Amino acid sequence: MQKKDNVKAFRMKLKPGCVEAYKQRHDEIWPELVALLKQSGIVEYHIFLDEESLLLFAFQKIASIPQFPEDIAKNPIMRRWWAHMADLMEVNPDQSPLVVACPELFRL
């Protein structure tokens, strides 16, 4: 039996007029954040934009999920990134992105 990859998909939403700033901040992503994501088991992370609705669709391929995402959410680097991005997108009171899970319905 072949082991299925762990995948996580979710959506977030940008505020109007923030697309370019969002892209630029991700083009300049902090090396320590990249290291944290990789240490957390994320081997792929893609974010797509629906320009009409400003919805972001994110897809993560995760090698393992021990305590993910609970542990990463407590990390000071992740919290600093959330604060850095909070002016561009819809967020929770703790500045984490407002995330809506997207359940998998099909896989080829």
PDB file of N, CA and C in Angstrom:
ATOM      1  N   MET A   1       0.838  -1.188   0.000  1.00  0.00           N
ATOM      2  CA  MET A   1       0.000   0.000   0.000  1.00  0.00           C
ATOM      3  C   MET A   1       0.881   1.250   0.000  1.00  0.00           C
ATOM      4  N   GLN A   2       0.631   2.151  -0.948  1.00  0.00           N
ATOM      5  CA  GLN A   2       1.411   3.381  -1.067  1.00  0.00           C
ATOM      6  C   GLN A   2       0.927   4.410  -0.052  1.00  0.00           C
ATOM      7  N   LYS A   3       1.888   5.043   0.627  1.00  0.00           N
ATOM      8  CA  LYS A   3       1.559   6.065   1.618  1.00  0.00           C
ATOM      9  C   LYS A   3       1.154   7.365   0.905  1.00  0.00           C
ATOM     10  N   LYS A   4       0.049   7.931   1.310  1.00  0.00           N
ATOM     11  CA  LYS A   4      -0.410   9.211   0.769  1.00  0.00           C
ATOM     12  C   LYS A   4       0.402  10.345   1.368  1.00  0.00           C
ATOM     13  N   ASP A   5       0.727  11.335   0.543  1.00  0.00           N
ATOM     14  CA  ASP A   5       1.384  12.533   1.060  1.00  0.00           C
ATOM     15  C   ASP A   5       0.398  13.302   1.921  1.00  0.00           C
ATOM     16  N   ASN A   6       0.914  13.934   2.942  1.00  0.00           N
ATOM     17  CA  ASN A   6       0.083  14.816   3.752  1.00  0.00           C
ATOM     18  C   ASN A   6      -0.038  16.135   3.005  1.00  0.00           C
ATOM     19  N   VAL A   7      -1.239  16.549   2.771  1.00  0.00           N
ATOM     20  CA  VAL A   7      -1.465  17.827   2.110  1.00  0.00           C
ATOM     21  C   VAL A   7      -2.446  18.644   2.927  1.00  0.00           C
ATOM     22  N   LYS A   8      -2.301  19.932   2.801  1.00  0.00           N
ATOM     23  CA  LYS A   8      -3.167  20.868   3.492  1.00  0.00           C
ATOM     24  C   LYS A   8      -3.500  21.978   2.510  1.00  0.00           C
ATOM     25  N   ALA A   9      -4.758  22.271   2.365  1.00  0.00           N
ATOM     26  CA  ALA A   9      -5.177  23.366   1.497  1.00  0.00           C
ATOM     27  C   ALA A   9      -6.102  24.283   2.299  1.00  0.00           C
ATOM     28  N   PHE A  10      -5.972  25.574   2.052  1.00  0.00           N
ATOM     29  CA  PHE A  10      -6.800  26.532   2.764  1.00  0.00           C
ATOM     30  C   PHE A  10      -6.866  27.817   1.967  1.00  0.00           C
ATOM     31  N   ARG A  11      -7.810  28.676   2.357  1.00  0.00           N
ATOM     32  CA  ARG A  11      -7.916  29.970   1.696  1.00  0.00           C
ATOM     33  C   ARG A  11      -7.824  31.082   2.719  1.00  0.00           C
ATOM     34  N   MET A  12      -7.368  32.214   2.216  1.00  0.00           N
ATOM     35  CA  MET A  12      -7.246  33.431   3.013  1.00  0.00           C
ATOM     36  C   MET A  12      -7.748  34.561   2.122  1.00  0.00           C
ATOM     37  N   LYS A  13      -7.791  35.768   2.621  1.00  0.00           N
ATOM     38  CA  LYS A  13      -8.278  36.875   1.805  1.00  0.00           C
ATOM     39  C   LYS A  13      -7.429  38.122   2.003  1.00  0.00           C
ATOM     40  N   LEU A  14      -7.076  38.733   0.876  1.00  0.00           N
ATOM     41  CA  LEU A  14      -6.341  39.998   0.895  1.00  0.00           C
ATOM     42  C   LEU A  14      -7.311  41.159   1.033  1.00  0.00           C
ATOM     43  N   LYS A  15      -6.801  42.260   1.560  1.00  0.00           N
ATOM     44  CA  LYS A  15      -7.555  43.506   1.580  1.00  0.00           C
ATOM     45  C   LYS A  15      -7.392  44.174   0.212  1.00  0.00           C
ATOM     46  N   PRO A  16      -8.382  44.962  -0.222  1.00  0.00           N
ATOM     47  CA  PRO A  16      -8.272  45.645  -1.521  1.00  0.00           C
ATOM     48  C   PRO A  16      -7.013  46.508  -1.596  1.00  0.00           C
ATOM     49  N   GLY A  17      -6.371  46.484  -2.760  1.00  0.00           N
ATOM     50  CA  GLY A  17      -5.185  47.294  -3.012  1.00  0.00           C
ATOM     51  C   GLY A  17      -3.888  46.733  -2.446  1.00  0.00           C
ATOM     52  N   CYS A  18      -3.907  45.501  -1.963  1.00  0.00           N
ATOM     53  CA  CYS A  18      -2.731  44.941  -1.282  1.00  0.00           C
ATOM     54  C   CYS A  18      -2.013  43.836  -2.064  1.00  0.00           C
ATOM     55  N   VAL A  19      -2.426  43.559  -3.283  1.00  0.00           N
ATOM     56  CA  VAL A  19      -1.837  42.444  -4.032  1.00  0.00           C
ATOM     57  C   VAL A  19      -0.336  42.633  -4.239  1.00  0.00           C
ATOM     58  N   GLU A  20       0.062  43.796  -4.705  1.00  0.00           N
ATOM     59  CA  GLU A  20       1.493  44.017  -5.006  1.00  0.00           C
ATOM     60  C   GLU A  20       2.355  43.942  -3.749  1.00  0.00           C
ATOM     61  N   ALA A  21       1.885  44.545  -2.676  1.00  0.00           N
ATOM     62  CA  ALA A  21       2.649  44.495  -1.422  1.00  0.00           C
ATOM     63  C   ALA A  21       2.749  43.066  -0.909  1.00  0.00           C
ATOM     64  N   TYR A  22       1.666  42.297  -1.016  1.00  0.00           N
ATOM     65  CA  TYR A  22       1.676  40.888  -0.584  1.00  0.00           C
ATOM     66  C   TYR A  22       2.707  40.102  -1.385  1.00  0.00           C
ATOM     67  N   LYS A  23       2.693  40.294  -2.699  1.00  0.00           N
ATOM     68  CA  LYS A  23       3.650  39.588  -3.557  1.00  0.00           C
ATOM     69  C   LYS A  23       5.077  40.005  -3.225  1.00  0.00           C
ATOM     70  N   GLN A  24       5.310  41.297  -3.051  1.00  0.00           N
ATOM     71  CA  GLN A  24       6.662  41.777  -2.761  1.00  0.00           C
ATOM     72  C   GLN A  24       7.184  41.211  -1.442  1.00  0.00           C
ATOM     73  N   ARG A  25       6.341  41.194  -0.421  1.00  0.00           N
ATOM     74  CA  ARG A  25       6.789  40.660   0.874  1.00  0.00           C
ATOM     75  C   ARG A  25       7.132  39.174   0.764  1.00  0.00           C
ATOM     76  N   HIS A  26       6.393  38.443  -0.054  1.00  0.00           N
ATOM     77  CA  HIS A  26       6.715  37.024  -0.235  1.00  0.00           C
ATOM     78  C   HIS A  26       7.945  36.839  -1.129  1.00  0.00           C
ATOM     79  N   ASP A  27       8.162  37.753  -2.060  1.00  0.00           N
ATOM     80  CA  ASP A  27       9.390  37.705  -2.867  1.00  0.00           C
ATOM     81  C   ASP A  27      10.620  37.930  -1.987  1.00  0.00           C
ATOM     82  N   GLU A  28      10.417  38.618  -0.868  1.00  0.00           N
ATOM     83  CA  GLU A  28      11.508  38.937   0.062  1.00  0.00           C
ATOM     84  C   GLU A  28      11.353  38.158   1.376  1.00  0.00           C
ATOM     85  N   ILE A  29      10.792  36.953   1.291  1.00  0.00           N
ATOM     86  CA  ILE A  29      10.528  36.160   2.500  1.00  0.00           C
ATOM     87  C   ILE A  29      11.808  35.974   3.309  1.00  0.00           C
ATOM     88  N   TRP A  30      11.679  36.028   4.605  1.00  0.00           N
ATOM     89  CA  TRP A  30      12.827  35.947   5.498  1.00  0.00           C
ATOM     90  C   TRP A  30      13.422  34.539   5.470  1.00  0.00           C
ATOM     91  N   PRO A  31      14.730  34.435   5.394  1.00  0.00           N
ATOM     92  CA  PRO A  31      15.380  33.111   5.416  1.00  0.00           C
ATOM     93  C   PRO A  31      15.035  32.309   6.673  1.00  0.00           C
ATOM     94  N   GLU A  32      14.902  32.981   7.821  1.00  0.00           N
ATOM     95  CA  GLU A  32      14.565  32.256   9.042  1.00  0.00           C
ATOM     96  C   GLU A  32      13.150  31.695   9.012  1.00  0.00           C
ATOM     97  N   LEU A  33      12.238  32.348   8.268  1.00  0.00           N
ATOM     98  CA  LEU A  33      10.891  31.821   8.121  1.00  0.00           C
ATOM     99  C   LEU A  33      10.904  30.609   7.195  1.00  0.00           C
ATOM    100  N   VAL A  34      11.662  30.690   6.109  1.00  0.00           N
ATOM    101  CA  VAL A  34      11.794  29.533   5.206  1.00  0.00           C
ATOM    102  C   VAL A  34      12.344  28.338   5.977  1.00  0.00           C
ATOM    103  N   ALA A  35      13.362  28.572   6.792  1.00  0.00           N
ATOM    104  CA  ALA A  35      13.955  27.492   7.591  1.00  0.00           C
ATOM    105  C   ALA A  35      12.921  26.901   8.549  1.00  0.00           C
ATOM    106  N   LEU A  36      12.137  27.743   9.198  1.00  0.00           N
ATOM    107  CA  LEU A  36      11.106  27.278  10.124  1.00  0.00           C
ATOM    108  C   LEU A  36      10.070  26.408   9.405  1.00  0.00           C
ATOM    109  N   LEU A  37       9.618  26.864   8.246  1.00  0.00           N
ATOM    110  CA  LEU A  37       8.630  26.097   7.492  1.00  0.00           C
ATOM    111  C   LEU A  37       9.185  24.731   7.107  1.00  0.00           C
ATOM    112  N   LYS A  38      10.420  24.698   6.643  1.00  0.00           N
ATOM    113  CA  LYS A  38      11.040  23.422   6.270  1.00  0.00           C
ATOM    114  C   LYS A  38      11.239  22.523   7.485  1.00  0.00           C
ATOM    115  N   GLN A  39      11.673  23.100   8.606  1.00  0.00           N
ATOM    116  CA  GLN A  39      11.846  22.318   9.838  1.00  0.00           C
ATOM    117  C   GLN A  39      10.509  21.763  10.330  1.00  0.00           C
ATOM    118  N   SER A  40       9.434  22.429   9.986  1.00  0.00           N
ATOM    119  CA  SER A  40       8.099  21.983  10.379  1.00  0.00           C
ATOM    120  C   SER A  40       7.556  20.901   9.462  1.00  0.00           C
ATOM    121  N   GLY A  41       8.345  20.518   8.443  1.00  0.00           N
ATOM    122  CA  GLY A  41       7.947  19.430   7.557  1.00  0.00           C
ATOM    123  C   GLY A  41       7.319  19.864   6.254  1.00  0.00           C
ATOM    124  N   ILE A  42       7.211  21.157   6.019  1.00  0.00           N
ATOM    125  CA  ILE A  42       6.613  21.631   4.765  1.00  0.00           C
ATOM    126  C   ILE A  42       7.648  21.482   3.655  1.00  0.00           C
ATOM    127  N   VAL A  43       7.346  20.656   2.660  1.00  0.00           N
ATOM    128  CA  VAL A  43       8.273  20.442   1.548  1.00  0.00           C
ATOM    129  C   VAL A  43       7.847  21.201   0.296  1.00  0.00           C
ATOM    130  N   GLU A  44       6.590  21.604   0.234  1.00  0.00           N
ATOM    131  CA  GLU A  44       6.082  22.459  -0.846  1.00  0.00           C
ATOM    132  C   GLU A  44       5.045  23.394  -0.243  1.00  0.00           C
ATOM    133  N   TYR A  45       5.026  24.623  -0.738  1.00  0.00           N
ATOM    134  CA  TYR A  45       4.031  25.594  -0.276  1.00  0.00           C
ATOM    135  C   TYR A  45       3.742  26.502  -1.458  1.00  0.00           C
ATOM    136  N   HIS A  46       2.515  26.478  -1.921  1.00  0.00           N
ATOM    137  CA  HIS A  46       2.090  27.296  -3.060  1.00  0.00           C
ATOM    138  C   HIS A  46       0.939  28.179  -2.613  1.00  0.00           C
ATOM    139  N   ILE A  47       0.937  29.426  -3.067  1.00  0.00           N
ATOM    140  CA  ILE A  47      -0.177  30.334  -2.808  1.00  0.00           C
ATOM    141  C   ILE A  47      -0.613  30.919  -4.147  1.00  0.00           C
ATOM    142  N   PHE A  48      -1.904  30.801  -4.429  1.00  0.00           N
ATOM    143  CA  PHE A  48      -2.488  31.298  -5.669  1.00  0.00           C
ATOM    144  C   PHE A  48      -3.495  32.394  -5.343  1.00  0.00           C
ATOM    145  N   LEU A  49      -3.697  33.315  -6.274  1.00  0.00           N
ATOM    146  CA  LEU A  49      -4.606  34.446  -6.080  1.00  0.00           C
ATOM    147  C   LEU A  49      -5.733  34.414  -7.095  1.00  0.00           C
ATOM    148  N   ASP A  50      -6.958  34.571  -6.612  1.00  0.00           N
ATOM    149  CA  ASP A  50      -8.101  34.853  -7.478  1.00  0.00           C
ATOM    150  C   ASP A  50      -8.215  36.373  -7.489  1.00  0.00           C
ATOM    151  N   GLU A  51      -7.792  37.000  -8.585  1.00  0.00           N
ATOM    152  CA  GLU A  51      -7.711  38.461  -8.647  1.00  0.00           C
ATOM    153  C   GLU A  51      -9.061  39.144  -8.510  1.00  0.00           C
ATOM    154  N   GLU A  52     -10.118  38.479  -8.902  1.00  0.00           N
ATOM    155  CA  GLU A  52     -11.445  39.086  -8.825  1.00  0.00           C
ATOM    156  C   GLU A  52     -11.946  39.176  -7.384  1.00  0.00           C
ATOM    157  N   SER A  53     -11.782  38.094  -6.624  1.00  0.00           N
ATOM    158  CA  SER A  53     -12.303  38.054  -5.257  1.00  0.00           C
ATOM    159  C   SER A  53     -11.262  38.396  -4.194  1.00  0.00           C
ATOM    160  N   LEU A  54      -9.987  38.456  -4.591  1.00  0.00           N
ATOM    161  CA  LEU A  54      -8.853  38.652  -3.697  1.00  0.00           C
ATOM    162  C   LEU A  54      -8.656  37.489  -2.728  1.00  0.00           C
ATOM    163  N   LEU A  55      -9.250  36.338  -3.069  1.00  0.00           N
ATOM    164  CA  LEU A  55      -9.037  35.141  -2.261  1.00  0.00           C
ATOM    165  C   LEU A  55      -7.697  34.521  -2.616  1.00  0.00           C
ATOM    166  N   LEU A  56      -6.979  34.107  -1.588  1.00  0.00           N
ATOM    167  CA  LEU A  56      -5.728  33.381  -1.757  1.00  0.00           C
ATOM    168  C   LEU A  56      -6.020  31.910  -1.497  1.00  0.00           C
ATOM    169  N   PHE A  57      -5.543  31.053  -2.370  1.00  0.00           N
ATOM    170  CA  PHE A  57      -5.663  29.617  -2.165  1.00  0.00           C
ATOM    171  C   PHE A  57      -4.267  29.078  -1.897  1.00  0.00           C
ATOM    172  N   ALA A  58      -4.077  28.456  -0.761  1.00  0.00           N
ATOM    173  CA  ALA A  58      -2.762  27.939  -0.386  1.00  0.00           C
ATOM    174  C   ALA A  58      -2.796  26.414  -0.346  1.00  0.00           C
ATOM    175  N   PHE A  59      -1.685  25.833  -0.755  1.00  0.00           N
ATOM    176  CA  PHE A  59      -1.531  24.381  -0.780  1.00  0.00           C
ATOM    177  C   PHE A  59      -0.174  24.047  -0.184  1.00  0.00           C
ATOM    178  N   GLN A  60      -0.158  23.174   0.806  1.00  0.00           N
ATOM    179  CA  GLN A  60       1.095  22.741   1.427  1.00  0.00           C
ATOM    180  C   GLN A  60       1.204  21.224   1.325  1.00  0.00           C
ATOM    181  N   LYS A  61       2.387  20.769   0.960  1.00  0.00           N
ATOM    182  CA  LYS A  61       2.705  19.347   1.025  1.00  0.00           C
ATOM    183  C   LYS A  61       3.623  19.194   2.231  1.00  0.00           C
ATOM    184  N   ILE A  62       3.224  18.334   3.154  1.00  0.00           N
ATOM    185  CA  ILE A  62       3.918  18.215   4.425  1.00  0.00           C
ATOM    186  C   ILE A  62       4.463  16.799   4.580  1.00  0.00           C
ATOM    187  N   ALA A  63       5.763  16.705   4.847  1.00  0.00           N
ATOM    188  CA  ALA A  63       6.406  15.401   4.982  1.00  0.00           C
ATOM    189  C   ALA A  63       5.884  14.650   6.194  1.00  0.00           C
ATOM    190  N   SER A  64       5.651  15.366   7.274  1.00  0.00           N
ATOM    191  CA  SER A  64       5.107  14.750   8.477  1.00  0.00           C
ATOM    192  C   SER A  64       4.334  15.809   9.246  1.00  0.00           C
ATOM    193  N   ILE A  65       3.366  15.373  10.004  1.00  0.00           N
ATOM    194  CA  ILE A  65       2.570  16.315  10.787  1.00  0.00           C
ATOM    195  C   ILE A  65       2.574  15.854  12.247  1.00  0.00           C
ATOM    196  N   PRO A  66       3.675  16.097  12.982  1.00  0.00           N
ATOM    197  CA  PRO A  66       3.672  15.702  14.383  1.00  0.00           C
ATOM    198  C   PRO A  66       2.710  16.576  15.188  1.00  0.00           C
ATOM    199  N   GLN A  67       2.992  17.857  15.292  1.00  0.00           N
ATOM    200  CA  GLN A  67       2.132  18.805  16.000  1.00  0.00           C
ATOM    201  C   GLN A  67       1.771  19.970  15.086  1.00  0.00           C
ATOM    202  N   PHE A  68       1.898  19.785  13.784  1.00  0.00           N
ATOM    203  CA  PHE A  68       1.648  20.852  12.836  1.00  0.00           C
ATOM    204  C   PHE A  68       0.153  21.112  12.759  1.00  0.00           C
ATOM    205  N   PRO A  69      -0.366  22.332  12.746  1.00  0.00           N
ATOM    206  CA  PRO A  69       0.340  23.601  12.784  1.00  0.00           C
ATOM    207  C   PRO A  69       0.461  24.213  14.174  1.00  0.00           C
ATOM    208  N   GLU A  70       0.042  23.487  15.209  1.00  0.00           N
ATOM    209  CA  GLU A  70       0.025  24.062  16.552  1.00  0.00           C
ATOM    210  C   GLU A  70       1.392  24.587  16.981  1.00  0.00           C
ATOM    211  N   ASP A  71       2.444  23.800  16.780  1.00  0.00           N
ATOM    212  CA  ASP A  71       3.774  24.227  17.216  1.00  0.00           C
ATOM    213  C   ASP A  71       4.277  25.435  16.441  1.00  0.00           C
ATOM    214  N   ILE A  72       4.071  25.438  15.133  1.00  0.00           N
ATOM    215  CA  ILE A  72       4.569  26.546  14.311  1.00  0.00           C
ATOM    216  C   ILE A  72       3.849  27.850  14.680  1.00  0.00           C
ATOM    217  N   ALA A  73       2.597  27.755  15.077  1.00  0.00           N
ATOM    218  CA  ALA A  73       1.825  28.946  15.437  1.00  0.00           C
ATOM    219  C   ALA A  73       2.353  29.616  16.704  1.00  0.00           C
ATOM    220  N   LYS A  74       3.073  28.877  17.527  1.00  0.00           N
ATOM    221  CA  LYS A  74       3.636  29.428  18.762  1.00  0.00           C
ATOM    222  C   LYS A  74       5.022  30.026  18.546  1.00  0.00           C
ATOM    223  N   ASN A  75       5.616  29.787  17.392  1.00  0.00           N
ATOM    224  CA  ASN A  75       6.985  30.217  17.148  1.00  0.00           C
ATOM    225  C   ASN A  75       7.062  31.739  16.969  1.00  0.00           C
ATOM    226  N   PRO A  76       8.026  32.407  17.626  1.00  0.00           N
ATOM    227  CA  PRO A  76       8.159  33.868  17.516  1.00  0.00           C
ATOM    228  C   PRO A  76       8.404  34.350  16.086  1.00  0.00           C
ATOM    229  N   ILE A  77       9.099  33.560  15.260  1.00  0.00           N
ATOM    230  CA  ILE A  77       9.330  33.956  13.867  1.00  0.00           C
ATOM    231  C   ILE A  77       8.000  34.004  13.119  1.00  0.00           C
ATOM    232  N   MET A  78       7.167  32.977  13.328  1.00  0.00           N
ATOM    233  CA  MET A  78       5.864  32.937  12.661  1.00  0.00           C
ATOM    234  C   MET A  78       5.002  34.089  13.129  1.00  0.00           C
ATOM    235  N   ARG A  79       5.001  34.378  14.412  1.00  0.00           N
ATOM    236  CA  ARG A  79       4.198  35.483  14.945  1.00  0.00           C
ATOM    237  C   ARG A  79       4.661  36.835  14.416  1.00  0.00           C
ATOM    238  N   ARG A  80       5.984  36.986  14.239  1.00  0.00           N
ATOM    239  CA  ARG A  80       6.525  38.231  13.680  1.00  0.00           C
ATOM    240  C   ARG A  80       6.098  38.378  12.220  1.00  0.00           C
ATOM    241  N   TRP A  81       6.094  37.261  11.466  1.00  0.00           N
ATOM    242  CA  TRP A  81       5.648  37.289  10.057  1.00  0.00           C
ATOM    243  C   TRP A  81       4.175  37.675   9.986  1.00  0.00           C
ATOM    244  N   TRP A  82       3.361  37.079  10.856  1.00  0.00           N
ATOM    245  CA  TRP A  82       1.940  37.437  10.865  1.00  0.00           C
ATOM    246  C   TRP A  82       1.755  38.932  11.112  1.00  0.00           C
ATOM    247  N   ALA A  83       2.483  39.487  12.044  1.00  0.00           N
ATOM    248  CA  ALA A  83       2.382  40.921  12.328  1.00  0.00           C
ATOM    249  C   ALA A  83       2.810  41.738  11.114  1.00  0.00           C
ATOM    250  N   HIS A  84       3.830  41.257  10.420  1.00  0.00           N
ATOM    251  CA  HIS A  84       4.355  41.912   9.213  1.00  0.00           C
ATOM    252  C   HIS A  84       3.311  41.913   8.090  1.00  0.00           C
ATOM    253  N   MET A  85       2.465  40.887   8.035  1.00  0.00           N
ATOM    254  CA  MET A  85       1.481  40.729   6.958  1.00  0.00           C
ATOM    255  C   MET A  85       0.076  41.207   7.339  1.00  0.00           C
ATOM    256  N   ALA A  86      -0.170  41.489   8.609  1.00  0.00           N
ATOM    257  CA  ALA A  86      -1.527  41.755   9.096  1.00  0.00           C
ATOM    258  C   ALA A  86      -2.215  42.941   8.430  1.00  0.00           C
ATOM    259  N   ASP A  87      -1.459  43.930   7.969  1.00  0.00           N
ATOM    260  CA  ASP A  87      -2.085  45.094   7.336  1.00  0.00           C
ATOM    261  C   ASP A  87      -2.586  44.793   5.925  1.00  0.00           C
ATOM    262  N   LEU A  88      -2.206  43.631   5.370  1.00  0.00           N
ATOM    263  CA  LEU A  88      -2.552  43.308   3.983  1.00  0.00           C
ATOM    264  C   LEU A  88      -3.720  42.338   3.833  1.00  0.00           C
ATOM    265  N   MET A  89      -4.071  41.655   4.909  1.00  0.00           N
ATOM    266  CA  MET A  89      -5.060  40.592   4.768  1.00  0.00           C
ATOM    267  C   MET A  89      -5.988  40.519   5.968  1.00  0.00           C
ATOM    268  N   GLU A  90      -7.063  39.751   5.817  1.00  0.00           N
ATOM    269  CA  GLU A  90      -7.979  39.539   6.925  1.00  0.00           C
ATOM    270  C   GLU A  90      -7.291  38.634   7.942  1.00  0.00           C
ATOM    271  N   VAL A  91      -7.326  39.043   9.205  1.00  0.00           N
ATOM    272  CA  VAL A  91      -6.616  38.311  10.265  1.00  0.00           C
ATOM    273  C   VAL A  91      -7.505  38.101  11.489  1.00  0.00           C
ATOM    274  N   ASN A  92      -7.064  37.186  12.326  1.00  0.00           N
ATOM    275  CA  ASN A  92      -7.680  36.934  13.626  1.00  0.00           C
ATOM    276  C   ASN A  92      -7.149  37.957  14.630  1.00  0.00           C
ATOM    277  N   PRO A  93      -7.735  38.024  15.840  1.00  0.00           N
ATOM    278  CA  PRO A  93      -7.250  38.967  16.851  1.00  0.00           C
ATOM    279  C   PRO A  93      -5.761  38.816  17.186  1.00  0.00           C
ATOM    280  N   ASP A  94      -5.195  37.601  17.042  1.00  0.00           N
ATOM    281  CA  ASP A  94      -3.771  37.402  17.327  1.00  0.00           C
ATOM    282  C   ASP A  94      -2.886  37.697  16.114  1.00  0.00           C
ATOM    283  N   GLN A  95      -3.457  38.273  15.058  1.00  0.00           N
ATOM    284  CA  GLN A  95      -2.796  38.641  13.801  1.00  0.00           C
ATOM    285  C   GLN A  95      -2.493  37.453  12.898  1.00  0.00           C
ATOM    286  N   SER A  96      -2.866  36.245  13.281  1.00  0.00           N
ATOM    287  CA  SER A  96      -2.720  35.114  12.370  1.00  0.00           C
ATOM    288  C   SER A  96      -3.720  35.286  11.235  1.00  0.00           C
ATOM    289  N   PRO A  97      -3.384  34.804  10.036  1.00  0.00           N
ATOM    290  CA  PRO A  97      -4.322  34.947   8.923  1.00  0.00           C
ATOM    291  C   PRO A  97      -5.644  34.244   9.228  1.00  0.00           C
ATOM    292  N   LEU A  98      -6.725  34.848   8.805  1.00  0.00           N
ATOM    293  CA  LEU A  98      -8.029  34.206   8.895  1.00  0.00           C
ATOM    294  C   LEU A  98      -8.043  33.120   7.820  1.00  0.00           C
ATOM    295  N   VAL A  99      -8.024  31.870   8.250  1.00  0.00           N
ATOM    296  CA  VAL A  99      -7.857  30.732   7.352  1.00  0.00           C
ATOM    297  C   VAL A  99      -9.132  29.897   7.333  1.00  0.00           C
ATOM    298  N   VAL A 100      -9.552  29.507   6.127  1.00  0.00           N
ATOM    299  CA  VAL A 100     -10.671  28.599   5.959  1.00  0.00           C
ATOM    300  C   VAL A 100     -10.120  27.348   5.298  1.00  0.00           C
ATOM    301  N   ALA A 101     -10.252  26.201   5.966  1.00  0.00           N
ATOM    302  CA  ALA A 101      -9.748  24.946   5.416  1.00  0.00           C
ATOM    303  C   ALA A 101     -10.512  24.574   4.148  1.00  0.00           C
ATOM    304  N   CYS A 102      -9.801  23.997   3.200  1.00  0.00           N
ATOM    305  CA  CYS A 102     -10.392  23.503   1.957  1.00  0.00           C
ATOM    306  C   CYS A 102     -10.178  21.994   1.920  1.00  0.00           C
ATOM    307  N   PRO A 103     -11.206  21.216   2.195  1.00  0.00           N
ATOM    308  CA  PRO A 103     -11.039  19.761   2.218  1.00  0.00           C
ATOM    309  C   PRO A 103     -10.772  19.200   0.826  1.00  0.00           C
ATOM    310  N   GLU A 104      -9.969  18.156   0.789  1.00  0.00           N
ATOM    311  CA  GLU A 104      -9.654  17.501  -0.486  1.00  0.00           C
ATOM    312  C   GLU A 104     -10.848  16.663  -0.943  1.00  0.00           C
ATOM    313  N   LEU A 105     -11.230  16.855  -2.195  1.00  0.00           N
ATOM    314  CA  LEU A 105     -12.342  16.094  -2.766  1.00  0.00           C
ATOM    315  C   LEU A 105     -11.889  15.159  -3.878  1.00  0.00           C
ATOM    316  N   PHE A 106     -10.723  15.425  -4.478  1.00  0.00           N
ATOM    317  CA  PHE A 106     -10.250  14.603  -5.595  1.00  0.00           C
ATOM    318  C   PHE A 106      -8.735  14.677  -5.651  1.00  0.00           C
ATOM    319  N   ARG A 107      -8.123  13.559  -6.035  1.00  0.00           N
ATOM    320  CA  ARG A 107      -6.680  13.500  -6.252  1.00  0.00           C
ATOM    321  C   ARG A 107      -6.405  12.543  -7.400  1.00  0.00           C
ATOM    322  N   LEU A 108      -5.589  12.985  -8.345  1.00  0.00           N
ATOM    323  CA  LEU A 108      -5.215  12.146  -9.485  1.00  0.00           C
ATOM    324  C   LEU A 108      -3.848  11.579  -9.220  1.00  0.00           C
TER     325      LEU A 108
END
